[in-house]
Protein backbone atom coordinates (compact mmCIF):
# COMPACT_ATOMS: atom_id res chain seq x y z
CA MET A 1 16.69 -42.99 -49.22
CA LYS A 2 19.87 -40.92 -49.36
CA THR A 3 17.72 -37.82 -49.75
CA ILE A 4 15.75 -38.68 -46.61
CA ILE A 5 18.94 -39.31 -44.58
CA ALA A 6 20.43 -36.03 -45.77
CA ALA A 7 17.28 -34.17 -44.78
CA CYS A 8 17.29 -35.75 -41.32
CA SER A 9 20.95 -34.85 -40.86
CA GLN A 10 20.22 -31.25 -41.75
CA ASN A 11 17.30 -31.16 -39.33
CA LEU A 12 19.42 -32.60 -36.50
CA SER A 13 22.20 -30.11 -37.20
CA GLY A 14 19.65 -27.31 -37.19
CA SER A 15 18.19 -28.53 -33.89
CA ARG A 16 21.62 -28.72 -32.26
CA ALA A 17 22.40 -25.23 -33.47
CA SER A 18 19.08 -23.93 -32.15
CA ILE A 19 19.67 -25.55 -28.77
CA GLN A 20 23.20 -24.12 -28.58
CA THR A 21 21.91 -20.68 -29.52
CA ALA A 22 19.19 -20.89 -26.87
CA LEU A 23 21.71 -21.96 -24.22
CA ARG A 24 24.06 -19.11 -25.14
CA THR A 25 21.15 -16.66 -24.93
CA LEU A 26 20.10 -18.07 -21.55
CA LEU A 27 23.62 -17.84 -20.16
CA ALA A 28 23.92 -14.28 -21.45
CA VAL A 29 20.88 -13.18 -19.41
CA PRO A 30 22.10 -11.57 -16.16
CA TRP A 31 21.15 -13.61 -13.10
CA PRO A 32 19.71 -11.82 -10.06
CA SER A 33 22.44 -10.61 -7.75
CA GLN A 34 22.45 -11.37 -4.03
CA ARG A 35 21.32 -7.81 -3.45
CA ASP A 36 18.32 -8.31 -5.75
CA VAL A 37 17.38 -11.55 -3.97
CA ARG A 38 17.63 -9.87 -0.56
CA SER A 39 15.47 -6.97 -1.74
CA ALA A 40 12.84 -9.36 -3.07
CA LEU A 41 12.77 -11.33 0.20
CA GLN A 42 12.47 -8.13 2.20
CA LEU A 43 9.60 -6.93 0.03
CA LEU A 44 7.78 -10.27 0.38
CA ALA A 45 8.27 -10.22 4.17
CA VAL A 46 6.66 -6.78 4.43
CA LEU A 47 3.90 -7.78 1.99
CA GLN A 48 2.86 -10.80 4.05
CA TRP A 49 2.84 -8.69 7.23
CA VAL A 50 0.69 -5.92 5.75
CA LEU A 51 -1.75 -8.40 4.19
CA SER A 52 -1.96 -10.34 7.45
CA PHE A 53 -2.89 -7.27 9.48
CA LEU A 54 -5.24 -5.78 6.91
CA LEU A 55 -6.95 -8.87 5.49
CA LEU A 56 -6.33 -12.07 7.46
CA GLY A 57 -9.13 -11.58 9.98
CA THR A 58 -11.76 -10.44 7.46
CA VAL A 59 -10.89 -13.08 4.85
CA SER A 60 -10.89 -15.85 7.48
CA LEU A 61 -14.31 -14.75 8.75
CA LEU A 62 -15.79 -14.68 5.25
CA LEU A 63 -14.27 -18.07 4.43
CA LEU A 64 -15.75 -19.68 7.54
CA ILE A 65 -19.17 -18.23 6.75
CA TYR A 66 -18.92 -19.61 3.22
CA LEU A 67 -17.92 -23.06 4.47
CA LEU A 68 -21.06 -23.18 6.63
CA PHE A 69 -23.08 -23.60 3.43
CA THR A 70 -20.89 -26.31 1.93
CA SER A 71 -20.17 -29.95 2.69
CA LEU A 72 -17.33 -28.73 4.93
CA TRP A 73 -19.75 -27.04 7.35
CA LEU A 74 -18.31 -29.05 10.26
CA VAL A 75 -14.98 -27.15 10.02
CA PRO A 76 -16.37 -23.70 10.97
CA VAL A 77 -18.69 -25.27 13.55
CA LEU A 78 -15.78 -26.98 15.32
CA TYR A 79 -13.66 -23.83 15.11
CA LEU A 80 -16.49 -21.74 16.58
CA ALA A 81 -16.75 -24.23 19.44
CA TRP A 82 -12.99 -23.86 19.96
CA ILE A 83 -13.22 -20.06 20.07
CA ILE A 84 -15.99 -20.24 22.69
CA PHE A 85 -13.90 -22.64 24.77
CA ASP A 86 -10.77 -20.50 24.28
CA TRP A 87 -12.51 -17.11 24.64
CA ASP A 88 -10.57 -15.85 27.67
CA THR A 89 -7.09 -16.95 26.57
CA PRO A 90 -6.13 -13.55 25.03
CA GLU A 91 -6.91 -11.94 28.41
CA LYS A 92 -4.61 -14.44 30.16
CA GLY A 93 -1.34 -13.94 28.37
CA GLY A 94 -2.23 -15.63 25.10
CA ARG A 95 -0.07 -18.38 23.61
CA ARG A 96 3.43 -17.17 22.83
CA LEU A 97 5.33 -19.31 20.34
CA PRO A 98 9.07 -18.56 20.59
CA CYS A 99 9.69 -20.22 17.22
CA LEU A 100 7.35 -17.72 15.51
CA ARG A 101 9.10 -14.77 17.15
CA ARG A 102 12.40 -16.11 15.78
CA TRP A 103 10.96 -16.68 12.31
CA THR A 104 13.58 -15.85 9.64
CA VAL A 105 11.06 -13.74 7.74
CA TRP A 106 11.21 -11.12 10.50
CA LYS A 107 14.89 -10.51 9.77
CA HIS A 108 13.99 -9.67 6.18
CA PHE A 109 11.16 -7.52 7.53
CA ARG A 110 13.62 -5.67 9.79
CA ASP A 111 16.14 -5.11 6.98
CA TYR A 112 13.56 -3.68 4.57
CA PHE A 113 13.34 -0.39 6.50
CA PRO A 114 15.72 -1.10 8.41
CA VAL A 115 14.53 -1.18 12.06
CA LYS A 116 16.98 -0.76 14.93
CA LEU A 117 16.52 -1.01 18.71
CA VAL A 118 18.62 1.22 20.98
CA LYS A 119 19.04 0.62 24.71
CA THR A 120 19.86 3.53 27.02
CA HIS A 121 19.33 1.91 30.45
CA ASP A 122 19.13 -1.57 31.93
CA LEU A 123 15.81 -3.16 32.88
CA SER A 124 16.04 -5.41 35.93
CA PRO A 125 14.24 -8.79 35.72
CA SER A 126 13.11 -8.27 39.32
CA HIS A 127 10.51 -5.70 38.18
CA ASN A 128 7.63 -5.53 35.74
CA TYR A 129 7.34 -2.69 33.23
CA ILE A 130 4.86 -0.78 31.13
CA ILE A 131 6.64 0.53 28.03
CA GLY A 132 4.98 3.51 26.41
CA SER A 133 5.46 3.25 22.65
CA HIS A 134 5.40 6.49 20.64
CA PRO A 135 4.32 7.53 18.07
CA HIS A 136 1.49 5.35 16.78
CA GLY A 137 2.10 6.03 13.09
CA ILE A 138 -0.18 4.16 10.69
CA LEU A 139 0.65 0.50 11.41
CA CYS A 140 3.00 0.61 14.45
CA VAL A 141 5.89 -0.97 12.55
CA GLY A 142 8.55 -0.06 15.13
CA ALA A 143 6.56 -1.40 18.08
CA PHE A 144 5.75 -4.66 16.30
CA CYS A 145 9.27 -5.33 15.04
CA ASN A 146 10.99 -4.56 18.34
CA PHE A 147 8.58 -5.94 20.94
CA ILE A 148 7.02 -8.89 19.09
CA THR A 149 9.72 -10.27 16.80
CA GLY A 150 13.18 -11.24 17.96
CA SER A 151 14.83 -9.68 14.92
CA THR A 152 16.21 -6.57 16.68
CA GLY A 153 17.55 -8.44 19.71
CA PHE A 154 15.24 -7.25 22.50
CA GLU A 155 15.87 -10.35 24.64
CA GLU A 156 19.64 -9.99 24.16
CA LEU A 157 19.65 -6.28 25.02
CA PHE A 158 17.36 -6.80 28.01
CA PRO A 159 18.13 -10.29 29.37
CA GLY A 160 15.43 -11.78 31.56
CA ILE A 161 12.71 -9.48 30.17
CA ARG A 162 9.73 -10.86 28.23
CA SER A 163 8.09 -8.30 25.97
CA PHE A 164 4.40 -8.11 25.06
CA LEU A 165 2.51 -5.67 22.87
CA THR A 166 -1.12 -4.62 23.27
CA THR A 167 -3.59 -4.02 20.47
CA LEU A 168 -7.34 -3.51 20.04
CA ALA A 169 -9.42 -6.13 21.84
CA GLY A 170 -11.67 -6.46 18.80
CA ASN A 171 -8.83 -8.03 16.82
CA PHE A 172 -9.04 -11.09 19.09
CA ARG A 173 -12.64 -11.71 18.04
CA LEU A 174 -11.61 -12.38 14.43
CA PRO A 175 -11.07 -16.07 13.60
CA VAL A 176 -7.54 -17.26 12.76
CA PHE A 177 -6.23 -13.69 13.17
CA ARG A 178 -6.55 -14.07 16.95
CA GLU A 179 -4.28 -17.14 16.86
CA TYR A 180 -1.75 -15.25 14.77
CA LEU A 181 -1.70 -12.34 17.21
CA MET A 182 -1.45 -14.45 20.37
CA SER A 183 1.37 -16.59 19.00
CA GLY A 184 3.61 -13.55 18.74
CA GLY A 185 2.92 -12.15 22.19
CA LEU A 186 0.17 -9.63 21.46
CA CYS A 187 -2.62 -9.18 23.98
CA PRO A 188 -5.73 -6.96 24.21
CA VAL A 189 -5.24 -3.44 25.49
CA THR A 190 -7.65 -4.01 28.39
CA ARG A 191 -7.24 -3.68 32.15
CA ARG A 192 -7.81 -7.39 32.63
CA ALA A 193 -5.20 -8.50 30.09
CA ILE A 194 -2.54 -6.01 31.20
CA GLY A 195 -3.27 -6.70 34.87
CA TYR A 196 -2.82 -10.44 34.29
CA LEU A 197 0.60 -9.95 32.72
CA LEU A 198 1.70 -7.65 35.54
CA SER A 199 0.38 -9.76 38.41
CA GLN A 200 0.06 -13.43 37.38
CA LYS A 201 3.18 -13.98 35.31
CA GLY A 202 5.86 -13.21 37.88
CA THR A 203 8.42 -10.49 37.21
CA GLY A 204 10.47 -9.60 34.17
CA ASN A 205 7.42 -8.76 32.03
CA ALA A 206 7.37 -5.66 29.83
CA VAL A 207 3.98 -4.72 28.37
CA ALA A 208 4.29 -2.22 25.51
CA ILE A 209 1.30 0.06 24.99
CA VAL A 210 0.93 2.38 21.99
CA ILE A 211 -0.59 5.08 24.15
CA GLY A 212 -1.71 7.52 21.45
CA GLY A 213 -3.86 4.86 19.81
CA ALA A 214 -6.23 5.45 16.92
CA ALA A 215 -6.64 9.17 17.64
CA GLU A 216 -2.92 9.71 17.15
CA SER A 217 -2.88 7.93 13.79
CA LEU A 218 -5.14 10.65 12.37
CA SER A 219 -2.35 13.21 12.87
CA CYS A 220 0.40 11.01 11.48
CA ARG A 221 2.38 12.60 8.66
CA PRO A 222 6.06 13.15 7.81
CA GLY A 223 7.72 16.11 9.51
CA VAL A 224 5.12 16.36 12.28
CA THR A 225 5.62 14.79 15.71
CA THR A 226 2.37 15.08 17.65
CA LEU A 227 1.44 12.73 20.49
CA ILE A 228 -1.96 12.19 22.12
CA LEU A 229 -0.83 11.86 25.72
CA LYS A 230 -1.94 14.75 27.93
CA ASN A 231 -5.19 13.08 29.01
CA ARG A 232 -4.09 9.46 28.59
CA LYS A 233 -3.49 8.41 32.21
CA GLY A 234 -4.95 4.92 32.42
CA PHE A 235 -1.55 3.30 31.83
CA VAL A 236 -0.12 5.27 34.77
CA ARG A 237 -2.94 4.09 37.04
CA MET A 238 -2.28 0.48 35.95
CA ALA A 239 1.42 0.91 36.67
CA LEU A 240 0.71 2.20 40.18
CA ARG A 241 -1.73 -0.59 41.00
CA HIS A 242 0.83 -3.24 40.09
CA GLY A 243 4.06 -1.42 40.95
CA ALA A 244 5.23 -1.64 37.34
CA PHE A 245 7.96 0.80 36.32
CA LEU A 246 7.13 3.18 33.46
CA VAL A 247 9.50 3.15 30.48
CA PRO A 248 9.23 5.66 27.61
CA SER A 249 10.21 4.60 24.10
CA PHE A 250 10.20 6.53 20.84
CA SER A 251 10.42 5.19 17.28
CA PHE A 252 12.16 7.82 15.18
CA GLY A 253 11.06 7.53 11.55
CA GLU A 254 7.70 5.86 12.25
CA ASN A 255 5.73 8.76 10.78
CA ASP A 256 7.74 8.67 7.53
CA LEU A 257 6.53 5.24 6.35
CA PHE A 258 3.29 6.43 4.72
CA ARG A 259 1.72 9.55 3.28
CA GLN A 260 -1.70 10.37 4.69
CA VAL A 261 -4.48 12.66 3.59
CA VAL A 262 -5.00 14.69 6.76
CA PHE A 263 -8.39 16.37 7.10
CA GLU A 264 -8.59 19.56 9.11
CA GLU A 265 -10.34 19.64 12.46
CA GLY A 266 -13.96 20.66 11.98
CA SER A 267 -14.23 19.25 8.45
CA TRP A 268 -16.96 16.71 7.69
CA MET A 269 -14.42 14.01 6.79
CA ARG A 270 -12.62 14.44 10.14
CA SER A 271 -16.01 14.22 11.84
CA ILE A 272 -16.71 10.91 10.10
CA GLN A 273 -13.29 9.60 11.16
CA ARG A 274 -13.92 10.56 14.78
CA ARG A 275 -17.35 8.90 14.85
CA PHE A 276 -16.01 5.73 13.27
CA GLN A 277 -13.17 5.69 15.80
CA LYS A 278 -15.61 5.91 18.73
CA MET A 279 -17.76 3.08 17.35
CA MET A 280 -15.09 0.68 16.10
CA GLY A 281 -12.03 1.56 18.19
CA PHE A 282 -9.82 2.51 15.25
CA ALA A 283 -9.77 5.37 12.80
CA PRO A 284 -10.12 4.93 9.01
CA CYS A 285 -7.08 6.69 7.56
CA LEU A 286 -6.63 7.56 3.89
CA PHE A 287 -2.98 6.76 3.33
CA TYR A 288 -0.67 5.39 0.69
CA GLY A 289 2.86 4.08 0.44
CA ARG A 290 4.92 2.49 -2.30
CA GLY A 291 3.73 0.01 -4.91
CA LEU A 292 4.63 -3.65 -5.11
CA THR A 293 6.68 -3.46 -8.30
CA SER A 294 8.28 -0.05 -7.93
CA GLY A 295 9.24 2.28 -5.13
CA ARG A 296 8.13 5.20 -7.29
CA SER A 297 4.57 3.96 -7.73
CA HIS A 298 1.76 4.36 -5.19
CA GLY A 299 0.46 1.39 -3.21
CA PHE A 300 -0.23 0.08 0.27
CA LEU A 301 3.29 -0.99 1.26
CA PRO A 302 5.32 1.24 3.59
CA PHE A 303 8.22 3.20 2.21
CA SER A 304 11.64 1.85 3.15
CA ARG A 305 12.64 4.48 5.70
CA PRO A 306 14.89 3.75 8.71
CA ILE A 307 13.18 3.34 12.08
CA THR A 308 15.16 3.62 15.30
CA THR A 309 13.35 2.75 18.51
CA VAL A 310 15.04 4.18 21.58
CA VAL A 311 14.05 2.70 24.95
CA GLY A 312 14.55 5.30 27.66
CA GLU A 313 15.17 5.43 31.39
CA PRO A 314 12.58 3.65 33.57
CA VAL A 315 10.57 5.71 36.04
CA ALA A 316 10.37 3.88 39.37
CA VAL A 317 6.74 3.47 40.44
CA PRO A 318 5.50 2.33 43.88
CA LYS A 319 2.71 -0.19 44.27
CA VAL A 320 -0.49 1.58 45.38
CA GLU A 321 -3.67 -0.45 45.06
CA ASN A 322 -5.98 2.56 44.95
CA PRO A 323 -3.90 5.51 43.70
CA SER A 324 -5.33 8.99 44.11
CA ARG A 325 -5.80 11.35 41.19
CA GLU A 326 -2.96 13.52 42.48
CA LEU A 327 -0.59 10.55 42.58
CA VAL A 328 -1.55 9.51 39.06
CA ASP A 329 -1.00 13.08 37.83
CA ARG A 330 2.41 13.24 39.48
CA TYR A 331 3.71 10.06 37.84
CA HIS A 332 2.11 11.05 34.57
CA GLU A 333 4.16 14.24 34.65
CA LEU A 334 7.30 12.28 35.52
CA TYR A 335 6.68 10.01 32.55
CA ILE A 336 6.17 12.93 30.16
CA HIS A 337 9.37 14.53 31.45
CA ALA A 338 11.31 11.29 30.83
CA LEU A 339 9.84 11.03 27.31
CA LEU A 340 10.70 14.63 26.44
CA LYS A 341 14.23 14.07 27.71
CA LEU A 342 14.60 10.95 25.57
CA PHE A 343 13.31 12.80 22.49
CA LYS A 344 15.56 15.81 22.99
CA GLU A 345 18.71 13.74 23.56
CA ASN A 346 18.20 11.54 20.50
CA LYS A 347 16.33 13.53 17.85
CA THR A 348 19.40 14.82 16.00
CA LYS A 349 20.98 11.35 16.03
CA TYR A 350 18.09 9.76 14.16
CA GLY A 351 16.97 12.07 11.40
CA LEU A 352 15.42 15.11 13.08
CA SER A 353 16.81 18.62 13.38
CA GLU A 354 17.60 20.55 16.53
CA SER A 355 14.56 22.77 15.94
CA ASP A 356 12.09 19.86 15.83
CA GLU A 357 9.81 19.73 18.85
CA LEU A 358 7.59 17.08 20.37
CA HIS A 359 3.98 18.31 20.58
CA ILE A 360 1.83 16.67 23.25
CA LEU A 361 -1.94 17.06 23.04
């Protein structure tokens, strides 16, 4: 009996020693610092945004198709009925949810790069505006962060102004993704949708349009600032019809977020990209960024490079219901002049050299 008690005592002593050793080892492990936690939150914020824009629509569509052949078939049927009933909502201002625009995750998203908004002139709430957003880049990070989220303080810098951002109309045909887009203030880049915001929603509306679009994304690469703008005049015609002032904006650093394989004009790969763009509305770009676990590895996340979006001086535009071609050309030239002025005055402040030029095609 004494032998058994002695053995138990030794085992208990050994267990206590093991537990104490384990606790000392655990306490000796360095805990993540506040900086590490912030970096992880920023990375997760960017990851959810990239996955949402690249996969949410496609995955939701495939999931609904799959559910049609299961016992949950009623779910996709009811949702399809809802989409049919709600078909025109994206063209009528969508459904902005202020709480989503103020979502804390967007602050981590902003700080990952970081993104900054710079105001150069006031915007009066008694007018409506079309904000030209340049350049397109790969995923329009600057335009999204500044005009859709509240993280950079657009509403504080421009009190009384409600910002919207346009994107491809096809995105609003994808289930679930359309709800996500509308809740933030995105609307289709169509005449009907833009006209509704500029005529049916009172004043104080600013509709941001990434004018270069898919064609411009094909030329996106670090160190090159090329805009597709010379023959893009539809936004000027819309501004004249509704008397909306034209406001240039430029996101310095947008083209530095990804590396892209750029195919030369005339090559068969560039030809395929052009054809795909005409059919689908967007161009398939071969690009890469950083990996998920390391900034030195290759992946699909953007590099953490600073983006500074400068909003320039508004160009006053009269309301002309049927503007002539000459009038459209004149205000198009005034807009380009204002954009070039903004670029020249700010390029050396935000990462470019004095010799860098803005090329407009």
